[in-house]
Amino acid sequence: MESYSLTPFIRGKVLVYQPKIGYRFNLDSVLLAHFFQTNKKNAKIIDLGTGSGIIPVLISLKYPHLQFYAVEIQKEFYQLAKKTFEKNNLNVNLINEDIKLLKKYFQSSYFDYVITNPPYLKEYSSENQNFLIAKSEVKATIKDFIKISSYLLKNKGKFFGVFPSYRFVEVISYLTENRLISKRLRFIHPTKNQKATHFLIEAQKGVKLGGETIENPLIVYKDTKNKIYSKEVKFILEKFV
């Protein structure tokens, strides 16, 4: 395994193991975890492509009674996620597998929620294989992630994801093809004067079109030059709940 570090996060509430060199979790995953909502107890949720395990750990701060599952294709990140979950005393059913092969582990309609921050770059090169797999569609495409999500979700179950804004139309098309209907959207902007770079989405399986909510834009920086976060993002990074 590559050398790794133990990163304290949310003022030490969360501790995450991740490589010192290579792919490390980013703000997208944090914002996605914060975007997730549920009013169910003991519901089953699966994180597809968990990386070092940041999303389940963060969600557990807000919803500790969920049943957590996570999948990671890369052995190194699987091992780091396992250490992260143990360090944070979180019970997660963790699987080291390609998301496209999950049908051999789960029957259809098994989960209440699927959440993912998938690789999204169509063309990307890196000498670091872990970084390459984490960032680009070399092992699985966005379409693959959405297709297996629909299989895993119960009818009226919910999908949560974060994607680059330039793939918005494509993502909506894949969701619709797989009976997942967009119900809540939030666009992420670097500053209030810049275009959206990413979007957060909640979609529901097997429901009718309509009733979609587009939330206020999420502004990341108050001042990009000095790397000063907006009030909302600062709250998320410091307190989360």
C-alpha atoms as a PDB file:
ATOM      1  CA  MET A   1       0.000   0.000   0.000  1.00  0.00           C
ATOM      2  CA  GLU A   2       1.148   3.523  -0.656  1.00  0.00           C
ATOM      3  CA  SER A   3       2.192   5.570   2.346  1.00  0.00           C
ATOM      4  CA  TYR A   4      -0.874   7.211   3.848  1.00  0.00           C
ATOM      5  CA  SER A   5      -1.860   9.896   6.310  1.00  0.00           C
ATOM      6  CA  LEU A   6      -4.601  10.153   8.920  1.00  0.00           C
ATOM      7  CA  THR A   7      -6.485  13.355   8.176  1.00  0.00           C
ATOM      8  CA  PRO A   8      -8.598  14.999  10.912  1.00  0.00           C
ATOM      9  CA  PHE A   9     -11.734  16.609   9.514  1.00  0.00           C
ATOM     10  CA  ILE A  10     -14.753  18.586  10.806  1.00  0.00           C
ATOM     11  CA  ARG A  11     -12.623  19.852  13.713  1.00  0.00           C
ATOM     12  CA  GLY A  12     -11.491  16.350  14.548  1.00  0.00           C
ATOM     13  CA  LYS A  13     -14.966  14.758  14.590  1.00  0.00           C
ATOM     14  CA  VAL A  14     -13.894  12.600  11.653  1.00  0.00           C
ATOM     15  CA  LEU A  15     -10.572  10.896  10.929  1.00  0.00           C
ATOM     16  CA  VAL A  16      -9.856   9.711   7.384  1.00  0.00           C
ATOM     17  CA  TYR A  17      -7.015   7.545   6.098  1.00  0.00           C
ATOM     18  CA  GLN A  18      -5.885   8.537   2.614  1.00  0.00           C
ATOM     19  CA  PRO A  19      -2.760   8.383   0.439  1.00  0.00           C
ATOM     20  CA  LYS A  20      -0.117  11.059   0.929  1.00  0.00           C
ATOM     21  CA  ILE A  21       0.394  11.012  -2.842  1.00  0.00           C
ATOM     22  CA  GLY A  22      -2.381  10.369  -5.348  1.00  0.00           C
ATOM     23  CA  TYR A  23      -6.141  10.687  -5.075  1.00  0.00           C
ATOM     24  CA  ARG A  24      -7.464  12.337  -1.905  1.00  0.00           C
ATOM     25  CA  PHE A  25     -11.088  13.140  -1.165  1.00  0.00           C
ATOM     26  CA  ASN A  26     -12.286  16.570  -2.255  1.00  0.00           C
ATOM     27  CA  LEU A  27     -15.013  19.089  -1.503  1.00  0.00           C
ATOM     28  CA  ASP A  28     -17.454  17.400  -3.911  1.00  0.00           C
ATOM     29  CA  SER A  29     -17.781  14.367  -1.634  1.00  0.00           C
ATOM     30  CA  VAL A  30     -18.287  16.540   1.434  1.00  0.00           C
ATOM     31  CA  LEU A  31     -21.010  18.608  -0.235  1.00  0.00           C
ATOM     32  CA  LEU A  32     -22.707  15.448  -1.503  1.00  0.00           C
ATOM     33  CA  ALA A  33     -22.770  13.914   1.979  1.00  0.00           C
ATOM     34  CA  HIS A  34     -24.289  17.131   3.324  1.00  0.00           C
ATOM     35  CA  PHE A  35     -26.871  17.179   0.487  1.00  0.00           C
ATOM     36  CA  PHE A  36     -28.143  13.729   1.477  1.00  0.00           C
ATOM     37  CA  GLN A  37     -31.457  13.702   3.363  1.00  0.00           C
ATOM     38  CA  THR A  38     -33.604  11.022   4.958  1.00  0.00           C
ATOM     39  CA  ASN A  39     -36.369  10.706   7.513  1.00  0.00           C
ATOM     40  CA  LYS A  40     -36.053   6.921   7.734  1.00  0.00           C
ATOM     41  CA  LYS A  41     -34.365   4.973  10.507  1.00  0.00           C
ATOM     42  CA  ASN A  42     -32.552   1.703   9.825  1.00  0.00           C
ATOM     43  CA  ALA A  43     -32.756   2.278   6.069  1.00  0.00           C
ATOM     44  CA  LYS A  44     -30.054   0.712   3.907  1.00  0.00           C
ATOM     45  CA  ILE A  45     -27.670   2.997   2.000  1.00  0.00           C
ATOM     46  CA  ILE A  46     -24.785   2.064  -0.296  1.00  0.00           C
ATOM     47  CA  ASP A  47     -21.900   4.290  -1.399  1.00  0.00           C
ATOM     48  CA  LEU A  48     -20.622   3.306  -4.846  1.00  0.00           C
ATOM     49  CA  GLY A  49     -16.907   4.066  -5.213  1.00  0.00           C
ATOM     50  CA  THR A  50     -16.313   4.971  -1.587  1.00  0.00           C
ATOM     51  CA  GLY A  51     -12.600   5.777  -1.951  1.00  0.00           C
ATOM     52  CA  SER A  52     -11.209   6.321   1.548  1.00  0.00           C
ATOM     53  CA  GLY A  53     -14.703   6.177   3.059  1.00  0.00           C
ATOM     54  CA  ILE A  54     -15.424   9.860   3.660  1.00  0.00           C
ATOM     55  CA  ILE A  55     -19.103   9.865   2.553  1.00  0.00           C
ATOM     56  CA  PRO A  56     -20.459   7.136   4.899  1.00  0.00           C
ATOM     57  CA  VAL A  57     -18.520   8.597   7.829  1.00  0.00           C
ATOM     58  CA  LEU A  58     -19.920  12.085   7.258  1.00  0.00           C
ATOM     59  CA  ILE A  59     -23.484  10.857   6.742  1.00  0.00           C
ATOM     60  CA  SER A  60     -23.242   8.878   9.986  1.00  0.00           C
ATOM     61  CA  LEU A  61     -22.722  12.146  11.898  1.00  0.00           C
ATOM     62  CA  LYS A  62     -26.229  13.201  10.896  1.00  0.00           C
ATOM     63  CA  TYR A  63     -27.931   9.820  10.479  1.00  0.00           C
ATOM     64  CA  PRO A  64     -26.197   7.276  12.769  1.00  0.00           C
ATOM     65  CA  HIS A  65     -29.012   4.702  12.580  1.00  0.00           C
ATOM     66  CA  LEU A  66     -28.679   3.909   8.878  1.00  0.00           C
ATOM     67  CA  GLN A  67     -27.350   0.549   7.691  1.00  0.00           C
ATOM     68  CA  PHE A  68     -24.216   1.407   5.726  1.00  0.00           C
ATOM     69  CA  TYR A  69     -22.744  -0.436   2.752  1.00  0.00           C
ATOM     70  CA  ALA A  70     -19.864   0.687   0.547  1.00  0.00           C
ATOM     71  CA  VAL A  71     -18.102  -0.577  -2.574  1.00  0.00           C
ATOM     72  CA  GLU A  72     -14.575   0.172  -3.760  1.00  0.00           C
ATOM     73  CA  ILE A  73     -12.846  -1.430  -6.749  1.00  0.00           C
ATOM     74  CA  GLN A  74      -9.273  -0.478  -5.809  1.00  0.00           C
ATOM     75  CA  LYS A  75      -7.669  -2.720  -3.191  1.00  0.00           C
ATOM     76  CA  GLU A  76      -5.581   0.097  -1.739  1.00  0.00           C
ATOM     77  CA  PHE A  77      -8.586   2.340  -1.182  1.00  0.00           C
ATOM     78  CA  TYR A  78     -10.641  -0.591   0.084  1.00  0.00           C
ATOM     79  CA  GLN A  79      -8.025  -1.125   2.787  1.00  0.00           C
ATOM     80  CA  LEU A  80      -7.921   2.586   3.629  1.00  0.00           C
ATOM     81  CA  ALA A  81     -11.725   2.767   3.825  1.00  0.00           C
ATOM     82  CA  LYS A  82     -11.718  -0.226   6.151  1.00  0.00           C
ATOM     83  CA  LYS A  83      -9.239   1.549   8.437  1.00  0.00           C
ATOM     84  CA  THR A  84     -11.280   4.771   8.238  1.00  0.00           C
ATOM     85  CA  PHE A  85     -14.500   3.007   9.258  1.00  0.00           C
ATOM     86  CA  GLU A  86     -12.761   1.229  12.138  1.00  0.00           C
ATOM     87  CA  LYS A  87     -11.136   4.457  13.327  1.00  0.00           C
ATOM     88  CA  ASN A  88     -14.526   6.203  13.400  1.00  0.00           C
ATOM     89  CA  ASN A  89     -16.300   3.246  15.044  1.00  0.00           C
ATOM     90  CA  LEU A  90     -18.651   2.917  12.083  1.00  0.00           C
ATOM     91  CA  ASN A  91     -20.051  -0.456  11.071  1.00  0.00           C
ATOM     92  CA  VAL A  92     -20.000  -0.615   7.258  1.00  0.00           C
ATOM     93  CA  ASN A  93     -20.476  -3.648   5.028  1.00  0.00           C
ATOM     94  CA  LEU A  94     -17.517  -2.975   2.735  1.00  0.00           C
ATOM     95  CA  ILE A  95     -17.002  -4.791  -0.567  1.00  0.00           C
ATOM     96  CA  ASN A  96     -13.888  -4.782  -2.770  1.00  0.00           C
ATOM     97  CA  GLU A  97     -15.497  -5.142  -6.203  1.00  0.00           C
ATOM     98  CA  ASP A  98     -16.321  -3.582  -9.563  1.00  0.00           C
ATOM     99  CA  ILE A  99     -19.705  -1.836  -9.273  1.00  0.00           C
ATOM    100  CA  LYS A 100     -20.795  -3.487 -12.529  1.00  0.00           C
ATOM    101  CA  LEU A 101     -20.650  -6.891 -10.793  1.00  0.00           C
ATOM    102  CA  LEU A 102     -22.820  -6.089  -7.783  1.00  0.00           C
ATOM    103  CA  LYS A 103     -25.728  -8.213  -9.013  1.00  0.00           C
ATOM    104  CA  LYS A 104     -23.907 -11.253  -7.640  1.00  0.00           C
ATOM    105  CA  TYR A 105     -23.933  -9.695  -4.153  1.00  0.00           C
ATOM    106  CA  PHE A 106     -27.390  -8.148  -3.961  1.00  0.00           C
ATOM    107  CA  GLN A 107     -30.850  -8.936  -5.247  1.00  0.00           C
ATOM    108  CA  SER A 108     -32.625  -6.137  -7.070  1.00  0.00           C
ATOM    109  CA  SER A 109     -34.458  -3.474  -5.050  1.00  0.00           C
ATOM    110  CA  TYR A 110     -32.314  -4.116  -1.957  1.00  0.00           C
ATOM    111  CA  PHE A 111     -31.466  -0.537  -0.970  1.00  0.00           C
ATOM    112  CA  ASP A 112     -33.399   2.518   0.142  1.00  0.00           C
ATOM    113  CA  TYR A 113     -30.611   4.863  -0.957  1.00  0.00           C
ATOM    114  CA  VAL A 114     -27.657   4.873  -3.335  1.00  0.00           C
ATOM    115  CA  ILE A 115     -25.067   7.641  -3.160  1.00  0.00           C
ATOM    116  CA  THR A 116     -22.057   8.204  -5.409  1.00  0.00           C
ATOM    117  CA  ASN A 117     -19.348  10.629  -6.456  1.00  0.00           C
ATOM    118  CA  PRO A 118     -18.252   8.649  -9.517  1.00  0.00           C
ATOM    119  CA  PRO A 119     -15.271   9.082 -11.837  1.00  0.00           C
ATOM    120  CA  TYR A 120     -16.405  11.400 -14.611  1.00  0.00           C
ATOM    121  CA  LEU A 121     -13.488  12.313 -16.876  1.00  0.00           C
ATOM    122  CA  LYS A 122     -13.777  10.640 -20.288  1.00  0.00           C
ATOM    123  CA  GLU A 123     -10.159  11.267 -21.197  1.00  0.00           C
ATOM    124  CA  TYR A 124      -7.503  11.585 -18.525  1.00  0.00           C
ATOM    125  CA  SER A 125      -3.909  10.482 -18.111  1.00  0.00           C
ATOM    126  CA  SER A 126      -1.909   9.990 -14.953  1.00  0.00           C
ATOM    127  CA  GLU A 127       1.148   7.985 -13.997  1.00  0.00           C
ATOM    128  CA  ASN A 128      -0.579   7.247 -10.685  1.00  0.00           C
ATOM    129  CA  GLN A 129      -2.932   4.326 -11.397  1.00  0.00           C
ATOM    130  CA  ASN A 130      -5.028   4.913  -8.276  1.00  0.00           C
ATOM    131  CA  PHE A 131      -5.618   8.534  -9.265  1.00  0.00           C
ATOM    132  CA  LEU A 132      -6.449   7.520 -12.841  1.00  0.00           C
ATOM    133  CA  ILE A 133      -9.116   5.012 -11.769  1.00  0.00           C
ATOM    134  CA  ALA A 134     -10.598   7.379  -9.173  1.00  0.00           C
ATOM    135  CA  LYS A 135     -10.960  10.300 -11.594  1.00  0.00           C
ATOM    136  CA  SER A 136     -11.647   8.809 -15.034  1.00  0.00           C
ATOM    137  CA  GLU A 137     -14.039   6.331 -16.629  1.00  0.00           C
ATOM    138  CA  VAL A 138     -11.410   3.658 -17.283  1.00  0.00           C
ATOM    139  CA  LYS A 139     -13.141   1.039 -15.089  1.00  0.00           C
ATOM    140  CA  ALA A 140     -16.760   2.230 -15.103  1.00  0.00           C
ATOM    141  CA  THR A 141     -18.690   5.065 -16.715  1.00  0.00           C
ATOM    142  CA  ILE A 142     -21.293   7.396 -15.251  1.00  0.00           C
ATOM    143  CA  LYS A 143     -23.852   5.364 -17.199  1.00  0.00           C
ATOM    144  CA  ASP A 144     -22.627   2.184 -15.469  1.00  0.00           C
ATOM    145  CA  PHE A 145     -23.013   3.799 -12.047  1.00  0.00           C
ATOM    146  CA  ILE A 146     -26.556   4.966 -12.798  1.00  0.00           C
ATOM    147  CA  LYS A 147     -27.605   1.636 -14.311  1.00  0.00           C
ATOM    148  CA  ILE A 148     -26.479  -0.402 -11.296  1.00  0.00           C
ATOM    149  CA  SER A 149     -28.004   2.197  -8.963  1.00  0.00           C
ATOM    150  CA  SER A 150     -31.417   1.619 -10.515  1.00  0.00           C
ATOM    151  CA  TYR A 151     -30.997  -2.136 -10.077  1.00  0.00           C
ATOM    152  CA  LEU A 152     -30.042  -1.756  -6.415  1.00  0.00           C
ATOM    153  CA  LEU A 153     -32.776   0.708  -5.457  1.00  0.00           C
ATOM    154  CA  LYS A 154     -36.212  -0.189  -4.186  1.00  0.00           C
ATOM    155  CA  ASN A 155     -39.184   1.320  -5.982  1.00  0.00           C
ATOM    156  CA  LYS A 156     -39.380   4.940  -4.774  1.00  0.00           C
ATOM    157  CA  GLY A 157     -35.852   4.581  -3.408  1.00  0.00           C
ATOM    158  CA  LYS A 158     -33.567   7.572  -3.871  1.00  0.00           C
ATOM    159  CA  PHE A 159     -30.318   8.191  -5.739  1.00  0.00           C
ATOM    160  CA  PHE A 160     -27.888  10.946  -4.703  1.00  0.00           C
ATOM    161  CA  GLY A 161     -24.938  12.020  -6.843  1.00  0.00           C
ATOM    162  CA  VAL A 162     -22.551  14.818  -7.723  1.00  0.00           C
ATOM    163  CA  PHE A 163     -21.459  15.428 -11.312  1.00  0.00           C
ATOM    164  CA  PRO A 164     -19.723  18.079 -13.448  1.00  0.00           C
ATOM    165  CA  SER A 165     -22.192  20.563 -14.903  1.00  0.00           C
ATOM    166  CA  TYR A 166     -20.978  20.003 -18.473  1.00  0.00           C
ATOM    167  CA  ARG A 167     -22.432  16.476 -18.264  1.00  0.00           C
ATOM    168  CA  PHE A 168     -25.820  17.605 -16.943  1.00  0.00           C
ATOM    169  CA  VAL A 169     -27.936  16.671 -19.987  1.00  0.00           C
ATOM    170  CA  GLU A 170     -26.165  13.323 -20.271  1.00  0.00           C
ATOM    171  CA  VAL A 171     -26.760  12.491 -16.597  1.00  0.00           C
ATOM    172  CA  ILE A 172     -30.460  13.401 -16.760  1.00  0.00           C
ATOM    173  CA  SER A 173     -30.797  11.212 -19.860  1.00  0.00           C
ATOM    174  CA  TYR A 174     -29.136   8.210 -18.164  1.00  0.00           C
ATOM    175  CA  LEU A 175     -31.280   8.658 -15.061  1.00  0.00           C
ATOM    176  CA  THR A 176     -34.508   8.791 -17.064  1.00  0.00           C
ATOM    177  CA  GLU A 177     -33.525   5.715 -19.107  1.00  0.00           C
ATOM    178  CA  ASN A 178     -33.164   3.846 -15.822  1.00  0.00           C
ATOM    179  CA  ARG A 179     -36.463   4.975 -14.252  1.00  0.00           C
ATOM    180  CA  LEU A 180     -34.775   7.505 -11.982  1.00  0.00           C
ATOM    181  CA  ILE A 181     -36.573  10.843 -12.000  1.00  0.00           C
ATOM    182  CA  SER A 182     -34.827  14.022 -10.884  1.00  0.00           C
ATOM    183  CA  LYS A 183     -36.523  15.489  -7.805  1.00  0.00           C
ATOM    184  CA  ARG A 184     -33.985  17.881  -6.286  1.00  0.00           C
ATOM    185  CA  LEU A 185     -31.117  19.813  -7.853  1.00  0.00           C
ATOM    186  CA  ARG A 186     -28.480  22.169  -6.566  1.00  0.00           C
ATOM    187  CA  PHE A 187     -25.774  23.750  -8.706  1.00  0.00           C
ATOM    188  CA  ILE A 188     -22.320  24.427  -7.268  1.00  0.00           C
ATOM    189  CA  HIS A 189     -20.597  27.684  -8.242  1.00  0.00           C
ATOM    190  CA  PRO A 190     -16.993  28.644  -7.340  1.00  0.00           C
ATOM    191  CA  THR A 191     -18.203  32.221  -6.651  1.00  0.00           C
ATOM    192  CA  LYS A 192     -21.513  34.037  -7.053  1.00  0.00           C
ATOM    193  CA  ASN A 193     -20.266  35.573 -10.321  1.00  0.00           C
ATOM    194  CA  GLN A 194     -19.010  32.348 -11.921  1.00  0.00           C
ATOM    195  CA  LYS A 195     -20.864  29.621 -13.779  1.00  0.00           C
ATOM    196  CA  ALA A 196     -21.678  26.338 -12.093  1.00  0.00           C
ATOM    197  CA  THR A 197     -18.941  23.712 -12.267  1.00  0.00           C
ATOM    198  CA  HIS A 198     -20.855  20.824 -10.650  1.00  0.00           C
ATOM    199  CA  PHE A 199     -24.334  19.886  -9.548  1.00  0.00           C
ATOM    200  CA  LEU A 200     -25.867  17.816  -6.775  1.00  0.00           C
ATOM    201  CA  ILE A 201     -28.879  15.711  -7.661  1.00  0.00           C
ATOM    202  CA  GLU A 202     -31.491  13.606  -5.898  1.00  0.00           C
ATOM    203  CA  ALA A 203     -33.532  11.282  -8.107  1.00  0.00           C
ATOM    204  CA  GLN A 204     -36.274   8.831  -7.217  1.00  0.00           C
ATOM    205  CA  LYS A 205     -36.990   5.458  -8.775  1.00  0.00           C
ATOM    206  CA  GLY A 206     -40.304   4.637 -10.406  1.00  0.00           C
ATOM    207  CA  VAL A 207     -42.147   7.909  -9.843  1.00  0.00           C
ATOM    208  CA  LYS A 208     -43.848  10.320 -12.227  1.00  0.00           C
ATOM    209  CA  LEU A 209     -42.151  13.294 -13.841  1.00  0.00           C
ATOM    210  CA  GLY A 210     -42.698  16.656 -12.188  1.00  0.00           C
ATOM    211  CA  GLY A 211     -42.427  18.182  -8.753  1.00  0.00           C
ATOM    212  CA  GLU A 212     -38.716  18.904  -9.078  1.00  0.00           C
ATOM    213  CA  THR A 213     -37.095  21.402  -6.701  1.00  0.00           C
ATOM    214  CA  ILE A 214     -34.144  23.508  -7.820  1.00  0.00           C
ATOM    215  CA  GLU A 215     -32.453  24.813  -4.697  1.00  0.00           C
ATOM    216  CA  ASN A 216     -30.522  28.051  -4.325  1.00  0.00           C
ATOM    217  CA  PRO A 217     -27.008  27.932  -5.825  1.00  0.00           C
ATOM    218  CA  LEU A 218     -24.286  26.661  -3.525  1.00  0.00           C
ATOM    219  CA  ILE A 219     -21.466  29.214  -3.577  1.00  0.00           C
ATOM    220  CA  VAL A 220     -18.092  27.784  -2.559  1.00  0.00           C
ATOM    221  CA  TYR A 221     -15.889  30.859  -2.132  1.00  0.00           C
ATOM    222  CA  LYS A 222     -16.470  34.323  -0.779  1.00  0.00           C
ATOM    223  CA  ASP A 223     -12.952  35.243  -1.940  1.00  0.00           C
ATOM    224  CA  THR A 224     -11.102  32.907  -4.315  1.00  0.00           C
ATOM    225  CA  LYS A 225      -7.848  34.860  -4.258  1.00  0.00           C
ATOM    226  CA  ASN A 226      -7.431  34.376  -0.525  1.00  0.00           C
ATOM    227  CA  LYS A 227      -9.258  31.020  -0.454  1.00  0.00           C
ATOM    228  CA  ILE A 228     -11.970  32.281   1.902  1.00  0.00           C
ATOM    229  CA  TYR A 229     -14.980  29.985   1.886  1.00  0.00           C
ATOM    230  CA  SER A 230     -18.575  31.189   1.823  1.00  0.00           C
ATOM    231  CA  LYS A 231     -20.464  31.185   5.109  1.00  0.00           C
ATOM    232  CA  GLU A 232     -22.387  28.035   4.143  1.00  0.00           C
ATOM    233  CA  VAL A 233     -19.355  26.024   3.029  1.00  0.00           C
ATOM    234  CA  LYS A 234     -17.381  27.154   6.074  1.00  0.00           C
ATOM    235  CA  PHE A 235     -20.183  25.843   8.290  1.00  0.00           C
ATOM    236  CA  ILE A 236     -20.227  22.511   6.448  1.00  0.00           C
ATOM    237  CA  LEU A 237     -16.454  22.090   6.737  1.00  0.00           C
ATOM    238  CA  GLU A 238     -16.287  23.079  10.395  1.00  0.00           C
ATOM    239  CA  LYS A 239     -19.489  21.649  11.897  1.00  0.00           C
ATOM    240  CA  PHE A 240     -21.325  19.688   9.177  1.00  0.00           C
ATOM    241  CA  VAL A 241     -24.425  19.248  11.375  1.00  0.00           C
END
